[in-house]
Amino acid sequence: MFPQIFLTLISFLSFLCVNKALELDILPVSKPRFLGVDRHGLQYKYYKWRKSVCSLVNATIATILSFISLPSWTLTYSDLLTRYTTSGEITLLVATGYFIYDVLELRRYSFWKEWPFVLHHIAFIAVALKIIYARQGLGVITIGLTIEAGSIFLHVRSLLLNYGYSVTSKPFRAITRIILLIFVTYRIPVLAFLLQCHHYNHESLPFMLVILGYFAISGILFVNVYVVMSLLMSGTRWKSKAII
């Protein structure tokens, strides 16, 4: 287990270093300017900006690695369940390191305010650790990681707000439409497929992985539906289809 722990730790520390480098302004990334905000509010806004940048980096890496790893499996549940590959394991460990980092970041600033995402992260970490230990289900979670493609646009949307784009601007509205399209046509159907596969094949899994699988896939599915509803409700709140 040492190599797995080491790679997860490297991933965790890498995101920690990126966050700190952004805070110290030593990366070639221009900081947004937040005008008319008190000191406490400014700290929180810069925290959200750093979080969005780190999340964008993770989503991009996870998307690339998961799609590279995916050809290792056939799309049969038995193969997704039993085949264990090095590329898939690396993808999972890098993502796990990020989610551990992000839970600790959320704990510092907005743990309860962003509880759906805390639930998402904890569910993922629990399942990832069990998959690594049991060496089962790696293909399933690799397919699950391909949905991070949608997260790339979600984090770009947050960064647009940080850099002063209004919710009625063309780039913001275009990104929002892309997010809704990806969530409705890919992310949610993929998660529903994985939940169905898990249910039909749960008898061949260790009991703890069965419980964690139901918890994780259902929790992540709930978060994705929550995001879609939030986007749609935001459009209503800002009137006249501001983001849609």
Protein backbone atom coordinates (compact mmCIF):
# COMPACT_ATOMS: atom_id res chain seq x y z
CA MET A 1 0.00 0.00 0.00
CA PHE A 2 3.01 2.33 0.39
CA PRO A 3 3.20 3.37 -3.31
CA GLN A 4 -0.53 4.18 -3.28
CA ILE A 5 -0.25 6.24 -0.09
CA PHE A 6 2.83 8.01 -1.47
CA LEU A 7 1.14 8.98 -4.76
CA THR A 8 -2.00 10.18 -2.95
CA LEU A 9 0.20 12.27 -0.64
CA ILE A 10 2.10 13.73 -3.60
CA SER A 11 -1.22 14.70 -5.22
CA PHE A 12 -2.48 16.26 -1.97
CA LEU A 13 0.73 18.24 -1.43
CA SER A 14 0.81 19.38 -5.06
CA PHE A 15 -2.62 20.99 -4.79
CA LEU A 16 -1.64 22.46 -1.43
CA CYS A 17 1.43 24.03 -3.08
CA VAL A 18 -0.59 25.39 -6.01
CA ASN A 19 -3.03 26.98 -3.56
CA LYS A 20 -0.19 28.55 -1.56
CA ALA A 21 1.56 29.76 -4.70
CA LEU A 22 -1.65 31.46 -5.82
CA GLU A 23 -2.01 33.04 -2.38
CA LEU A 24 1.58 34.35 -2.52
CA ASP A 25 1.11 35.52 -6.13
CA ILE A 26 4.14 33.61 -7.44
CA LEU A 27 2.38 31.89 -10.34
CA PRO A 28 1.87 33.55 -13.76
CA VAL A 29 -1.86 33.86 -13.10
CA SER A 30 -3.38 37.32 -12.84
CA LYS A 31 -5.35 37.91 -9.65
CA PRO A 32 -8.88 39.25 -10.02
CA ARG A 33 -9.70 42.58 -8.38
CA PHE A 34 -12.59 42.70 -5.94
CA LEU A 35 -13.68 46.28 -5.33
CA GLY A 36 -15.85 47.55 -2.50
CA VAL A 37 -15.31 44.50 -0.28
CA ASP A 38 -14.24 44.57 3.37
CA ARG A 39 -11.16 42.65 4.56
CA HIS A 40 -13.04 39.53 5.65
CA GLY A 41 -15.07 39.45 2.44
CA LEU A 42 -11.91 39.93 0.38
CA GLN A 43 -10.22 36.95 2.06
CA TYR A 44 -13.23 34.77 1.31
CA LYS A 45 -13.41 35.88 -2.34
CA TYR A 46 -9.72 35.14 -2.88
CA TYR A 47 -10.21 31.77 -1.20
CA LYS A 48 -13.04 31.01 -3.68
CA TRP A 49 -10.83 32.12 -6.58
CA ARG A 50 -7.94 29.90 -5.48
CA LYS A 51 -10.38 27.03 -4.97
CA SER A 52 -11.78 27.45 -8.49
CA VAL A 53 -8.30 27.45 -10.04
CA CYS A 54 -7.22 24.31 -8.14
CA SER A 55 -10.52 22.59 -8.95
CA LEU A 56 -10.08 23.46 -12.64
CA VAL A 57 -6.59 21.93 -12.62
CA ASN A 58 -7.92 18.76 -10.96
CA ALA A 59 -10.90 18.44 -13.32
CA THR A 60 -8.62 18.80 -16.35
CA ILE A 61 -6.11 16.22 -15.07
CA ALA A 62 -8.86 13.77 -14.01
CA THR A 63 -10.62 14.08 -17.38
CA ILE A 64 -7.45 13.47 -19.38
CA LEU A 65 -6.24 10.55 -17.23
CA SER A 66 -9.65 8.85 -17.03
CA PHE A 67 -10.22 8.96 -20.79
CA ILE A 68 -6.67 7.66 -21.37
CA SER A 69 -7.33 4.80 -18.92
CA LEU A 70 -10.82 3.94 -20.19
CA PRO A 71 -9.76 1.76 -23.18
CA SER A 72 -8.28 -0.73 -20.65
CA TRP A 73 -11.81 -1.99 -19.99
CA THR A 74 -14.68 -3.37 -22.03
CA LEU A 75 -18.02 -1.82 -21.11
CA THR A 76 -19.25 -4.94 -19.34
CA TYR A 77 -19.83 -4.63 -15.63
CA SER A 78 -17.89 -7.79 -14.77
CA ASP A 79 -14.82 -6.41 -16.54
CA LEU A 80 -15.24 -2.96 -15.00
CA LEU A 81 -15.49 -4.66 -11.62
CA THR A 82 -12.60 -7.12 -11.77
CA ARG A 83 -9.91 -5.69 -14.08
CA TYR A 84 -7.31 -3.65 -12.20
CA THR A 85 -4.88 -1.49 -14.19
CA THR A 86 -1.94 0.73 -13.28
CA SER A 87 -3.23 3.67 -15.34
CA GLY A 88 -6.64 3.45 -13.67
CA GLU A 89 -5.08 3.28 -10.22
CA ILE A 90 -2.90 6.34 -10.87
CA THR A 91 -5.98 8.27 -12.06
CA LEU A 92 -7.87 7.32 -8.90
CA LEU A 93 -5.01 8.16 -6.53
CA VAL A 94 -4.40 11.59 -8.05
CA ALA A 95 -8.12 12.41 -7.78
CA THR A 96 -8.24 11.11 -4.18
CA GLY A 97 -5.35 13.37 -3.18
CA TYR A 98 -7.22 16.36 -4.59
CA PHE A 99 -10.49 15.52 -2.81
CA ILE A 100 -8.69 15.13 0.53
CA TYR A 101 -7.06 18.52 -0.03
CA ASP A 102 -10.39 20.14 -0.94
CA VAL A 103 -12.23 18.74 2.10
CA LEU A 104 -9.58 20.31 4.34
CA GLU A 105 -9.92 23.60 2.45
CA LEU A 106 -13.71 23.54 2.83
CA ARG A 107 -13.26 22.86 6.55
CA ARG A 108 -11.31 26.11 6.90
CA TYR A 109 -13.84 28.39 5.23
CA SER A 110 -17.22 27.01 4.18
CA PHE A 111 -17.70 23.42 5.41
CA TRP A 112 -21.41 23.67 6.25
CA LYS A 113 -22.25 26.24 3.58
CA GLU A 114 -21.12 23.86 0.83
CA TRP A 115 -22.27 20.62 2.45
CA PRO A 116 -23.42 18.95 -0.83
CA PHE A 117 -19.85 19.12 -2.13
CA VAL A 118 -18.45 17.91 1.21
CA LEU A 119 -20.81 14.93 0.88
CA HIS A 120 -19.59 14.37 -2.69
CA HIS A 121 -15.92 14.43 -1.63
CA ILE A 122 -16.31 12.20 1.42
CA ALA A 123 -18.30 9.66 -0.62
CA PHE A 124 -15.61 9.61 -3.30
CA ILE A 125 -12.74 9.25 -0.81
CA ALA A 126 -14.47 6.40 1.05
CA VAL A 127 -15.14 4.44 -2.13
CA ALA A 128 -11.67 5.13 -3.56
CA LEU A 129 -9.95 3.79 -0.43
CA LYS A 130 -12.11 0.67 -0.44
CA ILE A 131 -11.48 0.06 -4.17
CA ILE A 132 -7.74 0.38 -3.68
CA TYR A 133 -7.85 -2.03 -0.72
CA ALA A 134 -10.21 -4.59 -2.33
CA ARG A 135 -8.81 -4.14 -5.87
CA GLN A 136 -12.33 -4.27 -7.27
CA GLY A 137 -14.45 -1.70 -9.07
CA LEU A 138 -11.63 0.38 -10.56
CA GLY A 139 -13.24 0.47 -14.02
CA VAL A 140 -16.52 1.69 -12.54
CA ILE A 141 -14.94 4.65 -10.77
CA THR A 142 -12.79 5.44 -13.82
CA ILE A 143 -15.99 5.86 -15.86
CA GLY A 144 -17.26 8.00 -12.99
CA LEU A 145 -14.19 10.23 -13.28
CA THR A 146 -14.86 10.95 -16.96
CA ILE A 147 -17.78 13.14 -15.85
CA GLU A 148 -15.17 15.60 -14.55
CA ALA A 149 -15.21 16.93 -18.12
CA GLY A 150 -18.33 18.84 -17.11
CA SER A 151 -16.59 20.21 -14.03
CA ILE A 152 -14.05 21.99 -16.23
CA PHE A 153 -16.81 24.27 -17.53
CA LEU A 154 -18.32 24.61 -14.06
CA HIS A 155 -15.04 25.99 -12.69
CA VAL A 156 -14.50 28.21 -15.74
CA ARG A 157 -17.95 29.66 -15.03
CA SER A 158 -16.91 30.50 -11.46
CA LEU A 159 -13.70 32.11 -12.70
CA LEU A 160 -15.63 34.27 -15.16
CA LEU A 161 -17.53 35.75 -12.22
CA ASN A 162 -14.24 36.30 -10.35
CA TYR A 163 -12.83 38.24 -13.29
CA GLY A 164 -15.81 40.56 -13.55
CA TYR A 165 -18.03 38.96 -16.20
CA SER A 166 -21.70 39.57 -15.49
CA VAL A 167 -24.29 36.79 -15.45
CA THR A 168 -25.81 38.33 -18.59
CA SER A 169 -22.54 38.37 -20.56
CA LYS A 170 -22.31 36.14 -23.63
CA PRO A 171 -19.36 34.03 -22.37
CA PHE A 172 -21.10 33.36 -19.05
CA ARG A 173 -24.39 32.39 -20.67
CA ALA A 174 -22.63 30.19 -23.24
CA ILE A 175 -20.68 28.33 -20.53
CA THR A 176 -23.86 27.83 -18.49
CA ARG A 177 -25.64 26.29 -21.48
CA ILE A 178 -22.70 23.93 -22.06
CA ILE A 179 -22.75 22.91 -18.38
CA LEU A 180 -26.48 22.16 -18.44
CA LEU A 181 -26.08 20.19 -21.69
CA ILE A 182 -23.21 18.06 -20.30
CA PHE A 183 -24.92 17.45 -16.96
CA VAL A 184 -28.25 16.46 -18.48
CA THR A 185 -26.96 14.40 -21.42
CA TYR A 186 -23.80 12.84 -19.93
CA ARG A 187 -23.07 13.26 -16.22
CA ILE A 188 -26.46 12.33 -14.78
CA PRO A 189 -27.10 9.44 -17.25
CA VAL A 190 -23.61 8.00 -16.57
CA LEU A 191 -24.20 8.11 -12.81
CA ALA A 192 -27.65 6.54 -13.25
CA PHE A 193 -26.04 3.78 -15.37
CA LEU A 194 -23.39 3.14 -12.69
CA LEU A 195 -26.04 3.01 -9.95
CA GLN A 196 -28.09 0.51 -11.98
CA CYS A 197 -25.02 -1.66 -12.66
CA HIS A 198 -24.07 -1.55 -8.99
CA HIS A 199 -27.56 -2.64 -7.96
CA TYR A 200 -27.73 -5.54 -10.42
CA ASN A 201 -24.28 -6.85 -9.46
CA HIS A 202 -24.07 -6.07 -5.74
CA GLU A 203 -24.11 -9.76 -4.77
CA SER A 204 -20.63 -10.25 -6.25
CA LEU A 205 -19.13 -7.42 -4.16
CA PRO A 206 -17.83 -7.30 -0.59
CA PHE A 207 -20.53 -6.03 1.78
CA MET A 208 -18.69 -2.82 2.67
CA LEU A 209 -18.11 -1.95 -1.00
CA VAL A 210 -21.82 -2.52 -1.67
CA ILE A 211 -22.78 -0.04 1.08
CA LEU A 212 -20.14 2.51 0.07
CA GLY A 213 -21.08 2.14 -3.60
CA TYR A 214 -24.75 2.91 -2.96
CA PHE A 215 -23.78 5.82 -0.69
CA ALA A 216 -21.22 7.29 -3.10
CA ILE A 217 -23.07 6.95 -6.41
CA SER A 218 -26.38 8.11 -4.90
CA GLY A 219 -24.68 11.01 -3.13
CA ILE A 220 -22.79 12.13 -6.23
CA LEU A 221 -25.95 11.77 -8.34
CA PHE A 222 -27.82 13.93 -5.84
CA VAL A 223 -25.10 16.60 -5.99
CA ASN A 224 -25.27 16.67 -9.80
CA VAL A 225 -29.05 17.06 -9.78
CA TYR A 226 -28.60 19.78 -7.12
CA VAL A 227 -26.16 21.64 -9.38
CA VAL A 228 -28.56 21.51 -12.35
CA MET A 229 -31.46 22.75 -10.19
CA SER A 230 -29.26 25.53 -8.77
CA LEU A 231 -28.32 26.69 -12.26
CA LEU A 232 -31.94 26.70 -13.39
CA MET A 233 -33.10 28.48 -10.23
CA SER A 234 -30.33 31.05 -10.62
CA GLY A 235 -31.68 31.83 -14.07
CA THR A 236 -35.12 32.46 -12.56
CA ARG A 237 -33.70 34.52 -9.69
CA TRP A 238 -31.73 36.79 -11.99
CA LYS A 239 -34.85 37.20 -14.15
CA SER A 240 -35.36 37.09 -17.89
CA LYS A 241 -33.22 33.98 -18.41
CA ALA A 242 -30.07 35.80 -17.32
CA ILE A 243 -27.83 32.73 -17.28
CA ILE A 244 -29.72 30.49 -19.68
